[in-house]
Protein backbone atom coordinates (compact mmCIF):
# COMPACT_ATOMS: atom_id res chain seq x y z
CA UNK A 1 0.00 0.00 0.00
CA UNK A 2 2.96 2.30 0.55
CA UNK A 3 3.68 1.88 -3.17
CA UNK A 4 0.18 3.15 -4.01
CA UNK A 5 0.63 6.20 -1.80
CA UNK A 6 4.01 6.91 -3.39
CA UNK A 7 2.40 6.80 -6.84
CA UNK A 8 -0.51 9.03 -5.77
CA UNK A 9 1.87 11.58 -4.22
CA UNK A 10 3.89 11.60 -7.45
CA UNK A 11 0.74 12.22 -9.51
CA UNK A 12 -0.20 15.12 -7.25
CA UNK A 13 3.28 16.63 -7.58
CA UNK A 14 3.32 16.21 -11.37
CA UNK A 15 0.06 18.17 -11.59
CA UNK A 16 1.25 20.75 -9.02
CA UNK A 17 -1.63 19.82 -6.72
CA UNK A 18 -4.17 21.08 -9.27
CA UNK A 19 -7.54 19.31 -9.42
CA UNK A 20 -7.67 19.08 -13.20
CA UNK A 21 -9.48 16.48 -15.32
CA UNK A 22 -6.08 15.02 -16.28
CA UNK A 23 -4.97 14.72 -12.63
CA UNK A 24 -8.32 13.19 -11.72
CA UNK A 25 -8.17 10.55 -14.48
CA UNK A 26 -4.55 9.71 -13.68
CA UNK A 27 -5.39 9.36 -9.96
CA UNK A 28 -8.38 7.15 -10.73
CA UNK A 29 -6.38 4.96 -13.13
CA UNK A 30 -3.63 4.52 -10.55
CA UNK A 31 -6.10 3.52 -7.82
CA UNK A 32 -8.10 1.18 -10.05
CA UNK A 33 -4.94 -0.45 -11.46
CA UNK A 34 -3.75 -1.15 -7.92
CA UNK A 35 -7.12 -2.62 -6.93
CA UNK A 36 -7.35 -4.78 -10.08
CA UNK A 37 -3.90 -6.25 -9.40
CA UNK A 38 -4.62 -6.72 -5.71
CA UNK A 39 -7.82 -8.72 -6.32
CA UNK A 40 -6.90 -10.23 -9.71
CA UNK A 41 -9.83 -8.73 -11.59
CA UNK A 42 -10.16 -6.85 -14.87
CA UNK A 43 -10.13 -3.06 -14.88
CA UNK A 44 -13.80 -3.10 -15.94
CA UNK A 45 -14.62 -5.03 -12.76
CA UNK A 46 -13.68 -2.05 -10.57
CA UNK A 47 -15.94 0.95 -10.02
CA UNK A 48 -15.40 4.24 -8.21
CA UNK A 49 -18.49 6.27 -7.35
CA UNK A 50 -18.34 9.64 -5.65
CA UNK A 51 -21.08 11.26 -3.59
CA UNK A 52 -22.55 14.52 -4.86
CA UNK A 53 -25.55 16.70 -4.10
CA UNK A 54 -27.85 17.61 -7.00
CA UNK A 55 -30.97 19.69 -6.52
CA UNK A 56 -31.26 18.80 -2.86
CA UNK A 57 -30.76 15.09 -3.50
CA UNK A 58 -27.78 12.94 -2.69
CA UNK A 59 -26.46 11.03 -5.70
CA UNK A 60 -23.59 8.69 -6.48
CA UNK A 61 -21.77 9.50 -9.69
CA UNK A 62 -19.48 7.11 -11.53
CA UNK A 63 -15.90 8.38 -11.70
CA UNK A 64 -14.58 5.03 -12.96
CA UNK A 65 -14.78 3.27 -15.43
CA UNK A 66 -13.45 6.25 -17.34
CA UNK A 67 -16.00 5.61 -20.13
CA UNK A 68 -18.70 6.44 -17.58
CA UNK A 69 -16.84 9.54 -16.38
CA UNK A 70 -16.31 10.83 -19.92
CA UNK A 71 -19.91 10.15 -20.97
CA UNK A 72 -21.22 12.80 -18.63
CA UNK A 73 -23.62 12.49 -15.79
CA UNK A 74 -23.74 8.77 -15.08
CA UNK A 75 -25.31 9.01 -11.65
CA UNK A 76 -28.18 7.72 -9.59
CA UNK A 77 -29.89 8.69 -6.34
CA UNK A 78 -28.49 7.19 -3.14
CA UNK A 79 -32.05 6.42 -2.10
CA UNK A 80 -34.04 5.29 -5.13
CA UNK A 81 -36.93 3.13 -6.19
CA UNK A 82 -34.58 0.29 -7.15
CA UNK A 83 -32.06 -0.58 -4.44
CA UNK A 84 -28.37 -0.19 -5.12
CA UNK A 85 -25.58 -1.90 -3.26
CA UNK A 86 -23.52 1.29 -3.56
CA UNK A 87 -26.40 3.24 -1.98
CA UNK A 88 -26.56 0.75 0.88
CA UNK A 89 -22.79 1.04 1.33
CA UNK A 90 -22.76 4.84 1.55
CA UNK A 91 -25.94 4.96 3.63
CA UNK A 92 -24.82 2.34 6.13
CA UNK A 93 -21.17 3.38 5.96
CA UNK A 94 -20.24 -0.29 6.15
CA UNK A 95 -18.47 -2.65 3.74
CA UNK A 96 -20.70 -5.19 1.97
CA UNK A 97 -19.77 -8.58 0.55
CA UNK A 98 -22.25 -10.21 -1.84
CA UNK A 99 -21.12 -13.46 -3.47
CA UNK A 100 -24.54 -14.09 -5.07
CA UNK A 101 -25.14 -10.70 -6.64
CA UNK A 102 -27.13 -12.13 -9.55
CA UNK A 103 -29.94 -13.27 -7.21
CA UNK A 104 -30.02 -10.09 -5.09
CA UNK A 105 -32.09 -7.07 -6.20
CA UNK A 106 -29.71 -4.32 -7.21
CA UNK A 107 -29.20 -1.48 -9.65
CA UNK A 108 -27.53 -3.05 -12.67
CA UNK A 109 -26.33 -0.09 -14.76
CA UNK A 110 -22.66 -0.95 -14.22
CA UNK A 111 -23.05 -4.42 -15.68
CA UNK A 112 -25.27 -3.54 -18.64
CA UNK A 113 -23.09 -0.87 -20.20
CA UNK A 114 -20.26 -2.31 -22.29
CA UNK A 115 -16.79 -0.91 -21.82
CA UNK A 116 -13.96 -0.58 -24.28
CA UNK A 117 -12.67 -4.03 -23.28
CA UNK A 118 -15.81 -6.17 -23.44
CA UNK A 119 -19.58 -6.34 -23.66
CA UNK A 120 -21.60 -5.95 -20.50
CA UNK A 121 -21.78 -9.05 -18.31
CA UNK A 122 -23.76 -9.71 -15.14
CA UNK A 123 -22.00 -9.16 -11.84
CA UNK A 124 -21.87 -12.44 -9.95
CA UNK A 125 -19.74 -11.41 -6.96
CA UNK A 126 -19.27 -7.97 -5.43
CA UNK A 127 -17.42 -6.15 -2.67
CA UNK A 128 -18.50 -2.61 -1.87
CA UNK A 129 -16.78 -0.30 0.64
CA UNK A 130 -16.96 3.37 1.59
CA UNK A 131 -14.26 5.76 0.48
CA UNK A 132 -13.32 7.92 3.46
CA UNK A 133 -12.26 11.54 2.94
CA UNK A 134 -11.67 11.81 6.68
CA UNK A 135 -12.95 9.86 9.69
CA UNK A 136 -16.76 9.82 9.54
CA UNK A 137 -16.86 11.48 6.10
CA UNK A 138 -17.78 8.91 3.43
CA UNK A 139 -17.16 10.60 0.07
CA UNK A 140 -17.94 7.66 -2.18
CA UNK A 141 -17.82 3.94 -2.79
CA UNK A 142 -15.25 1.50 -4.18
CA UNK A 143 -16.63 -1.65 -5.75
CA UNK A 144 -14.83 -4.75 -6.98
CA UNK A 145 -16.79 -7.35 -8.88
CA UNK A 146 -16.37 -10.60 -10.68
CA UNK A 147 -18.45 -10.64 -13.84
CA UNK A 148 -19.56 -13.59 -15.94
CA UNK A 149 -22.55 -15.32 -17.46
CA UNK A 150 -22.58 -17.68 -14.44
CA UNK A 151 -21.14 -17.57 -10.92
CA UNK A 152 -18.74 -20.38 -11.82
CA UNK A 153 -17.52 -18.50 -14.89
CA UNK A 154 -16.88 -15.34 -12.88
CA UNK A 155 -14.25 -16.87 -10.61
CA UNK A 156 -13.80 -17.56 -6.92
CA UNK A 157 -15.88 -16.00 -4.16
CA UNK A 158 -14.56 -12.98 -2.33
CA UNK A 159 -13.64 -13.56 1.30
CA UNK A 160 -13.94 -11.42 4.44
CA UNK A 161 -10.17 -10.93 4.17
CA UNK A 162 -10.60 -9.54 0.64
CA UNK A 163 -13.29 -7.18 1.97
CA UNK A 164 -11.01 -5.98 4.78
CA UNK A 165 -8.25 -5.32 2.23
CA UNK A 166 -10.58 -3.28 0.02
CA UNK A 167 -11.86 -1.36 3.06
CA UNK A 168 -8.25 -0.42 3.87
CA UNK A 169 -7.80 0.91 0.33
CA UNK A 170 -11.03 2.94 0.74
CA UNK A 171 -9.54 4.61 3.80
CA UNK A 172 -6.19 5.19 2.13
CA UNK A 173 -7.27 6.76 -1.19
CA UNK A 174 -10.02 9.12 -0.04
CA UNK A 175 -7.82 12.16 0.68
CA UNK A 176 -6.07 11.77 -2.69
CA UNK A 177 -9.41 11.62 -4.50
CA UNK A 178 -10.64 14.70 -2.63
CA UNK A 179 -7.56 16.67 -3.77
CA UNK A 180 -7.74 15.45 -7.39
CA UNK A 181 -11.50 15.81 -8.03
CA UNK A 182 -12.29 18.84 -10.22
CA UNK A 183 -14.88 21.26 -8.84
CA UNK A 184 -17.23 20.65 -11.77
CA UNK A 185 -17.31 16.84 -11.34
C-alpha atoms as a PDB file:
ATOM      1  CA  UNK A   1       0.000   0.000   0.000  1.00  0.00           C
ATOM      2  CA  UNK A   2       2.956   2.299   0.551  1.00  0.00           C
ATOM      3  CA  UNK A   3       3.679   1.879  -3.169  1.00  0.00           C
ATOM      4  CA  UNK A   4       0.180   3.146  -4.006  1.00  0.00           C
ATOM      5  CA  UNK A   5       0.627   6.205  -1.799  1.00  0.00           C
ATOM      6  CA  UNK A   6       4.010   6.909  -3.385  1.00  0.00           C
ATOM      7  CA  UNK A   7       2.401   6.801  -6.840  1.00  0.00           C
ATOM      8  CA  UNK A   8      -0.514   9.031  -5.767  1.00  0.00           C
ATOM      9  CA  UNK A   9       1.867  11.576  -4.223  1.00  0.00           C
ATOM     10  CA  UNK A  10       3.890  11.601  -7.454  1.00  0.00           C
ATOM     11  CA  UNK A  11       0.741  12.218  -9.513  1.00  0.00           C
ATOM     12  CA  UNK A  12      -0.202  15.122  -7.246  1.00  0.00           C
ATOM     13  CA  UNK A  13       3.278  16.634  -7.579  1.00  0.00           C
ATOM     14  CA  UNK A  14       3.321  16.212 -11.366  1.00  0.00           C
ATOM     15  CA  UNK A  15       0.062  18.167 -11.587  1.00  0.00           C
ATOM     16  CA  UNK A  16       1.249  20.748  -9.017  1.00  0.00           C
ATOM     17  CA  UNK A  17      -1.627  19.817  -6.717  1.00  0.00           C
ATOM     18  CA  UNK A  18      -4.173  21.081  -9.268  1.00  0.00           C
ATOM     19  CA  UNK A  19      -7.540  19.306  -9.417  1.00  0.00           C
ATOM     20  CA  UNK A  20      -7.672  19.078 -13.196  1.00  0.00           C
ATOM     21  CA  UNK A  21      -9.475  16.475 -15.318  1.00  0.00           C
ATOM     22  CA  UNK A  22      -6.078  15.015 -16.277  1.00  0.00           C
ATOM     23  CA  UNK A  23      -4.966  14.725 -12.635  1.00  0.00           C
ATOM     24  CA  UNK A  24      -8.322  13.187 -11.721  1.00  0.00           C
ATOM     25  CA  UNK A  25      -8.170  10.554 -14.478  1.00  0.00           C
ATOM     26  CA  UNK A  26      -4.554   9.711 -13.676  1.00  0.00           C
ATOM     27  CA  UNK A  27      -5.385   9.362  -9.959  1.00  0.00           C
ATOM     28  CA  UNK A  28      -8.380   7.155 -10.727  1.00  0.00           C
ATOM     29  CA  UNK A  29      -6.385   4.964 -13.133  1.00  0.00           C
ATOM     30  CA  UNK A  30      -3.628   4.518 -10.549  1.00  0.00           C
ATOM     31  CA  UNK A  31      -6.097   3.523  -7.818  1.00  0.00           C
ATOM     32  CA  UNK A  32      -8.097   1.176 -10.052  1.00  0.00           C
ATOM     33  CA  UNK A  33      -4.941  -0.454 -11.464  1.00  0.00           C
ATOM     34  CA  UNK A  34      -3.746  -1.147  -7.924  1.00  0.00           C
ATOM     35  CA  UNK A  35      -7.118  -2.623  -6.925  1.00  0.00           C
ATOM     36  CA  UNK A  36      -7.351  -4.776 -10.077  1.00  0.00           C
ATOM     37  CA  UNK A  37      -3.895  -6.249  -9.405  1.00  0.00           C
ATOM     38  CA  UNK A  38      -4.623  -6.724  -5.706  1.00  0.00           C
ATOM     39  CA  UNK A  39      -7.823  -8.724  -6.321  1.00  0.00           C
ATOM     40  CA  UNK A  40      -6.898 -10.230  -9.706  1.00  0.00           C
ATOM     41  CA  UNK A  41      -9.831  -8.733 -11.592  1.00  0.00           C
ATOM     42  CA  UNK A  42     -10.156  -6.847 -14.874  1.00  0.00           C
ATOM     43  CA  UNK A  43     -10.130  -3.057 -14.881  1.00  0.00           C
ATOM     44  CA  UNK A  44     -13.798  -3.099 -15.938  1.00  0.00           C
ATOM     45  CA  UNK A  45     -14.622  -5.028 -12.759  1.00  0.00           C
ATOM     46  CA  UNK A  46     -13.685  -2.053 -10.566  1.00  0.00           C
ATOM     47  CA  UNK A  47     -15.937   0.947 -10.021  1.00  0.00           C
ATOM     48  CA  UNK A  48     -15.399   4.241  -8.213  1.00  0.00           C
ATOM     49  CA  UNK A  49     -18.494   6.269  -7.353  1.00  0.00           C
ATOM     50  CA  UNK A  50     -18.341   9.644  -5.650  1.00  0.00           C
ATOM     51  CA  UNK A  51     -21.079  11.262  -3.589  1.00  0.00           C
ATOM     52  CA  UNK A  52     -22.553  14.516  -4.855  1.00  0.00           C
ATOM     53  CA  UNK A  53     -25.546  16.702  -4.097  1.00  0.00           C
ATOM     54  CA  UNK A  54     -27.850  17.607  -7.004  1.00  0.00           C
ATOM     55  CA  UNK A  55     -30.970  19.685  -6.523  1.00  0.00           C
ATOM     56  CA  UNK A  56     -31.260  18.805  -2.858  1.00  0.00           C
ATOM     57  CA  UNK A  57     -30.765  15.086  -3.501  1.00  0.00           C
ATOM     58  CA  UNK A  58     -27.777  12.942  -2.693  1.00  0.00           C
ATOM     59  CA  UNK A  59     -26.458  11.028  -5.701  1.00  0.00           C
ATOM     60  CA  UNK A  60     -23.590   8.687  -6.480  1.00  0.00           C
ATOM     61  CA  UNK A  61     -21.770   9.502  -9.687  1.00  0.00           C
ATOM     62  CA  UNK A  62     -19.477   7.108 -11.527  1.00  0.00           C
ATOM     63  CA  UNK A  63     -15.897   8.376 -11.701  1.00  0.00           C
ATOM     64  CA  UNK A  64     -14.576   5.028 -12.961  1.00  0.00           C
ATOM     65  CA  UNK A  65     -14.782   3.275 -15.434  1.00  0.00           C
ATOM     66  CA  UNK A  66     -13.455   6.249 -17.340  1.00  0.00           C
ATOM     67  CA  UNK A  67     -16.004   5.606 -20.128  1.00  0.00           C
ATOM     68  CA  UNK A  68     -18.704   6.438 -17.584  1.00  0.00           C
ATOM     69  CA  UNK A  69     -16.839   9.539 -16.385  1.00  0.00           C
ATOM     70  CA  UNK A  70     -16.310  10.826 -19.920  1.00  0.00           C
ATOM     71  CA  UNK A  71     -19.906  10.154 -20.973  1.00  0.00           C
ATOM     72  CA  UNK A  72     -21.223  12.797 -18.627  1.00  0.00           C
ATOM     73  CA  UNK A  73     -23.620  12.493 -15.791  1.00  0.00           C
ATOM     74  CA  UNK A  74     -23.740   8.770 -15.083  1.00  0.00           C
ATOM     75  CA  UNK A  75     -25.308   9.012 -11.651  1.00  0.00           C
ATOM     76  CA  UNK A  76     -28.184   7.717  -9.594  1.00  0.00           C
ATOM     77  CA  UNK A  77     -29.885   8.691  -6.342  1.00  0.00           C
ATOM     78  CA  UNK A  78     -28.491   7.193  -3.144  1.00  0.00           C
ATOM     79  CA  UNK A  79     -32.051   6.419  -2.101  1.00  0.00           C
ATOM     80  CA  UNK A  80     -34.042   5.294  -5.129  1.00  0.00           C
ATOM     81  CA  UNK A  81     -36.927   3.133  -6.188  1.00  0.00           C
ATOM     82  CA  UNK A  82     -34.575   0.295  -7.153  1.00  0.00           C
ATOM     83  CA  UNK A  83     -32.062  -0.581  -4.436  1.00  0.00           C
ATOM     84  CA  UNK A  84     -28.371  -0.195  -5.119  1.00  0.00           C
ATOM     85  CA  UNK A  85     -25.575  -1.900  -3.255  1.00  0.00           C
ATOM     86  CA  UNK A  86     -23.524   1.288  -3.563  1.00  0.00           C
ATOM     87  CA  UNK A  87     -26.404   3.238  -1.982  1.00  0.00           C
ATOM     88  CA  UNK A  88     -26.557   0.748   0.881  1.00  0.00           C
ATOM     89  CA  UNK A  89     -22.792   1.039   1.332  1.00  0.00           C
ATOM     90  CA  UNK A  90     -22.758   4.840   1.548  1.00  0.00           C
ATOM     91  CA  UNK A  91     -25.939   4.956   3.626  1.00  0.00           C
ATOM     92  CA  UNK A  92     -24.821   2.343   6.126  1.00  0.00           C
ATOM     93  CA  UNK A  93     -21.167   3.384   5.962  1.00  0.00           C
ATOM     94  CA  UNK A  94     -20.244  -0.293   6.149  1.00  0.00           C
ATOM     95  CA  UNK A  95     -18.470  -2.651   3.737  1.00  0.00           C
ATOM     96  CA  UNK A  96     -20.696  -5.186   1.972  1.00  0.00           C
ATOM     97  CA  UNK A  97     -19.769  -8.577   0.554  1.00  0.00           C
ATOM     98  CA  UNK A  98     -22.251 -10.214  -1.837  1.00  0.00           C
ATOM     99  CA  UNK A  99     -21.125 -13.455  -3.470  1.00  0.00           C
ATOM    100  CA  UNK A 100     -24.538 -14.095  -5.068  1.00  0.00           C
ATOM    101  CA  UNK A 101     -25.143 -10.696  -6.642  1.00  0.00           C
ATOM    102  CA  UNK A 102     -27.129 -12.130  -9.546  1.00  0.00           C
ATOM    103  CA  UNK A 103     -29.936 -13.267  -7.211  1.00  0.00           C
ATOM    104  CA  UNK A 104     -30.023 -10.085  -5.094  1.00  0.00           C
ATOM    105  CA  UNK A 105     -32.094  -7.066  -6.201  1.00  0.00           C
ATOM    106  CA  UNK A 106     -29.707  -4.324  -7.214  1.00  0.00           C
ATOM    107  CA  UNK A 107     -29.200  -1.477  -9.648  1.00  0.00           C
ATOM    108  CA  UNK A 108     -27.529  -3.051 -12.674  1.00  0.00           C
ATOM    109  CA  UNK A 109     -26.326  -0.091 -14.756  1.00  0.00           C
ATOM    110  CA  UNK A 110     -22.657  -0.950 -14.216  1.00  0.00           C
ATOM    111  CA  UNK A 111     -23.052  -4.420 -15.681  1.00  0.00           C
ATOM    112  CA  UNK A 112     -25.274  -3.541 -18.639  1.00  0.00           C
ATOM    113  CA  UNK A 113     -23.093  -0.867 -20.197  1.00  0.00           C
ATOM    114  CA  UNK A 114     -20.259  -2.310 -22.291  1.00  0.00           C
ATOM    115  CA  UNK A 115     -16.789  -0.906 -21.819  1.00  0.00           C
ATOM    116  CA  UNK A 116     -13.962  -0.585 -24.275  1.00  0.00           C
ATOM    117  CA  UNK A 117     -12.672  -4.028 -23.276  1.00  0.00           C
ATOM    118  CA  UNK A 118     -15.813  -6.172 -23.438  1.00  0.00           C
ATOM    119  CA  UNK A 119     -19.579  -6.341 -23.660  1.00  0.00           C
ATOM    120  CA  UNK A 120     -21.597  -5.955 -20.496  1.00  0.00           C
ATOM    121  CA  UNK A 121     -21.780  -9.047 -18.310  1.00  0.00           C
ATOM    122  CA  UNK A 122     -23.763  -9.708 -15.135  1.00  0.00           C
ATOM    123  CA  UNK A 123     -22.001  -9.156 -11.839  1.00  0.00           C
ATOM    124  CA  UNK A 124     -21.870 -12.437  -9.949  1.00  0.00           C
ATOM    125  CA  UNK A 125     -19.737 -11.413  -6.958  1.00  0.00           C
ATOM    126  CA  UNK A 126     -19.271  -7.975  -5.428  1.00  0.00           C
ATOM    127  CA  UNK A 127     -17.421  -6.151  -2.675  1.00  0.00           C
ATOM    128  CA  UNK A 128     -18.499  -2.613  -1.872  1.00  0.00           C
ATOM    129  CA  UNK A 129     -16.776  -0.305   0.641  1.00  0.00           C
ATOM    130  CA  UNK A 130     -16.964   3.367   1.586  1.00  0.00           C
ATOM    131  CA  UNK A 131     -14.255   5.762   0.482  1.00  0.00           C
ATOM    132  CA  UNK A 132     -13.325   7.923   3.460  1.00  0.00           C
ATOM    133  CA  UNK A 133     -12.262  11.541   2.935  1.00  0.00           C
ATOM    134  CA  UNK A 134     -11.668  11.812   6.683  1.00  0.00           C
ATOM    135  CA  UNK A 135     -12.955   9.862   9.689  1.00  0.00           C
ATOM    136  CA  UNK A 136     -16.756   9.816   9.535  1.00  0.00           C
ATOM    137  CA  UNK A 137     -16.864  11.479   6.095  1.00  0.00           C
ATOM    138  CA  UNK A 138     -17.782   8.913   3.429  1.00  0.00           C
ATOM    139  CA  UNK A 139     -17.164  10.599   0.072  1.00  0.00           C
ATOM    140  CA  UNK A 140     -17.945   7.663  -2.180  1.00  0.00           C
ATOM    141  CA  UNK A 141     -17.822   3.936  -2.789  1.00  0.00           C
ATOM    142  CA  UNK A 142     -15.245   1.497  -4.178  1.00  0.00           C
ATOM    143  CA  UNK A 143     -16.630  -1.651  -5.753  1.00  0.00           C
ATOM    144  CA  UNK A 144     -14.828  -4.747  -6.979  1.00  0.00           C
ATOM    145  CA  UNK A 145     -16.789  -7.346  -8.879  1.00  0.00           C
ATOM    146  CA  UNK A 146     -16.365 -10.599 -10.676  1.00  0.00           C
ATOM    147  CA  UNK A 147     -18.453 -10.641 -13.843  1.00  0.00           C
ATOM    148  CA  UNK A 148     -19.556 -13.592 -15.938  1.00  0.00           C
ATOM    149  CA  UNK A 149     -22.553 -15.323 -17.462  1.00  0.00           C
ATOM    150  CA  UNK A 150     -22.582 -17.677 -14.442  1.00  0.00           C
ATOM    151  CA  UNK A 151     -21.136 -17.571 -10.921  1.00  0.00           C
ATOM    152  CA  UNK A 152     -18.737 -20.376 -11.815  1.00  0.00           C
ATOM    153  CA  UNK A 153     -17.520 -18.503 -14.895  1.00  0.00           C
ATOM    154  CA  UNK A 154     -16.881 -15.343 -12.876  1.00  0.00           C
ATOM    155  CA  UNK A 155     -14.251 -16.873 -10.614  1.00  0.00           C
ATOM    156  CA  UNK A 156     -13.804 -17.556  -6.917  1.00  0.00           C
ATOM    157  CA  UNK A 157     -15.880 -16.003  -4.155  1.00  0.00           C
ATOM    158  CA  UNK A 158     -14.564 -12.981  -2.333  1.00  0.00           C
ATOM    159  CA  UNK A 159     -13.640 -13.562   1.305  1.00  0.00           C
ATOM    160  CA  UNK A 160     -13.940 -11.419   4.445  1.00  0.00           C
ATOM    161  CA  UNK A 161     -10.167 -10.930   4.174  1.00  0.00           C
ATOM    162  CA  UNK A 162     -10.605  -9.537   0.645  1.00  0.00           C
ATOM    163  CA  UNK A 163     -13.290  -7.181   1.970  1.00  0.00           C
ATOM    164  CA  UNK A 164     -11.012  -5.984   4.783  1.00  0.00           C
ATOM    165  CA  UNK A 165      -8.254  -5.320   2.227  1.00  0.00           C
ATOM    166  CA  UNK A 166     -10.581  -3.278   0.021  1.00  0.00           C
ATOM    167  CA  UNK A 167     -11.858  -1.360   3.060  1.00  0.00           C
ATOM    168  CA  UNK A 168      -8.250  -0.425   3.874  1.00  0.00           C
ATOM    169  CA  UNK A 169      -7.801   0.906   0.325  1.00  0.00           C
ATOM    170  CA  UNK A 170     -11.026   2.944   0.736  1.00  0.00           C
ATOM    171  CA  UNK A 171      -9.537   4.614   3.797  1.00  0.00           C
ATOM    172  CA  UNK A 172      -6.191   5.194   2.128  1.00  0.00           C
ATOM    173  CA  UNK A 173      -7.269   6.755  -1.189  1.00  0.00           C
ATOM    174  CA  UNK A 174     -10.024   9.122  -0.039  1.00  0.00           C
ATOM    175  CA  UNK A 175      -7.816  12.156   0.683  1.00  0.00           C
ATOM    176  CA  UNK A 176      -6.074  11.766  -2.687  1.00  0.00           C
ATOM    177  CA  UNK A 177      -9.415  11.619  -4.503  1.00  0.00           C
ATOM    178  CA  UNK A 178     -10.639  14.699  -2.632  1.00  0.00           C
ATOM    179  CA  UNK A 179      -7.563  16.672  -3.772  1.00  0.00           C
ATOM    180  CA  UNK A 180      -7.739  15.452  -7.394  1.00  0.00           C
ATOM    181  CA  UNK A 181     -11.498  15.807  -8.025  1.00  0.00           C
ATOM    182  CA  UNK A 182     -12.286  18.842 -10.222  1.00  0.00           C
ATOM    183  CA  UNK A 183     -14.880  21.261  -8.836  1.00  0.00           C
ATOM    184  CA  UNK A 184     -17.234  20.645 -11.774  1.00  0.00           C
ATOM    185  CA  UNK A 185     -17.308  16.844 -11.337  1.00  0.00           C
END
